[in-house]
Amino acid sequence: MPKDEIKKLLENSKKVLEQDQNNFENMIKDNLTSFKKKTLDQI
């Protein structure tokens, strides 16, 4: 594989990983918010 192809693949992988991380962080935040709301509703 030429260097350019490897570099392009690495850049694409980095973008995908960053997007996945952002999605995961947002999911965790949403879950925490939901959990807090449910807990407060129970009290």
Protein backbone atom coordinates (compact mmCIF):
# COMPACT_ATOMS: atom_id res chain seq x y z
CA MET A 1 0.00 0.00 0.00
CA PRO A 2 1.32 3.42 -0.85
CA LYS A 3 1.90 5.89 1.93
CA ASP A 4 -0.93 8.11 0.71
CA GLU A 5 -3.48 5.32 1.05
CA ILE A 6 -2.32 4.49 4.56
CA LYS A 7 -2.45 8.14 5.56
CA LYS A 8 -5.97 8.49 4.15
CA LEU A 9 -7.13 5.35 5.96
CA LEU A 10 -5.66 6.62 9.23
CA GLU A 11 -7.38 9.99 8.84
CA ASN A 12 -10.71 8.32 8.11
CA SER A 13 -10.30 6.01 11.08
CA LYS A 14 -9.53 8.96 13.32
CA LYS A 15 -12.66 10.79 12.16
CA VAL A 16 -14.81 7.71 12.75
CA LEU A 17 -13.33 7.16 16.22
CA GLU A 18 -13.87 10.80 17.18
CA GLN A 19 -17.49 10.63 16.03
CA ASP A 20 -18.02 7.38 17.94
CA GLN A 21 -16.53 8.95 21.06
CA ASN A 22 -18.79 11.98 20.75
CA ASN A 23 -21.83 9.76 20.28
CA PHE A 24 -20.84 7.67 23.29
CA GLU A 25 -20.33 10.78 25.46
CA ASN A 26 -23.72 12.13 24.43
CA MET A 27 -25.37 8.80 25.14
CA ILE A 28 -23.83 8.69 28.64
CA LYS A 29 -24.93 12.28 29.33
CA ASP A 30 -28.46 11.51 28.16
CA ASN A 31 -28.59 8.39 30.30
CA LEU A 32 -27.40 10.30 33.35
CA THR A 33 -29.97 13.02 32.78
CA SER A 34 -32.69 10.43 32.37
CA PHE A 35 -31.56 8.60 35.50
CA LYS A 36 -31.52 11.82 37.53
CA LYS A 37 -35.00 12.70 36.34
CA LYS A 38 -36.37 9.24 37.17
CA THR A 39 -34.73 9.34 40.59
CA LEU A 40 -36.15 12.78 41.36
CA ASP A 41 -39.59 11.69 40.18
CA GLN A 42 -39.49 8.77 42.60
CA ILE A 43 -38.63 11.00 45.55
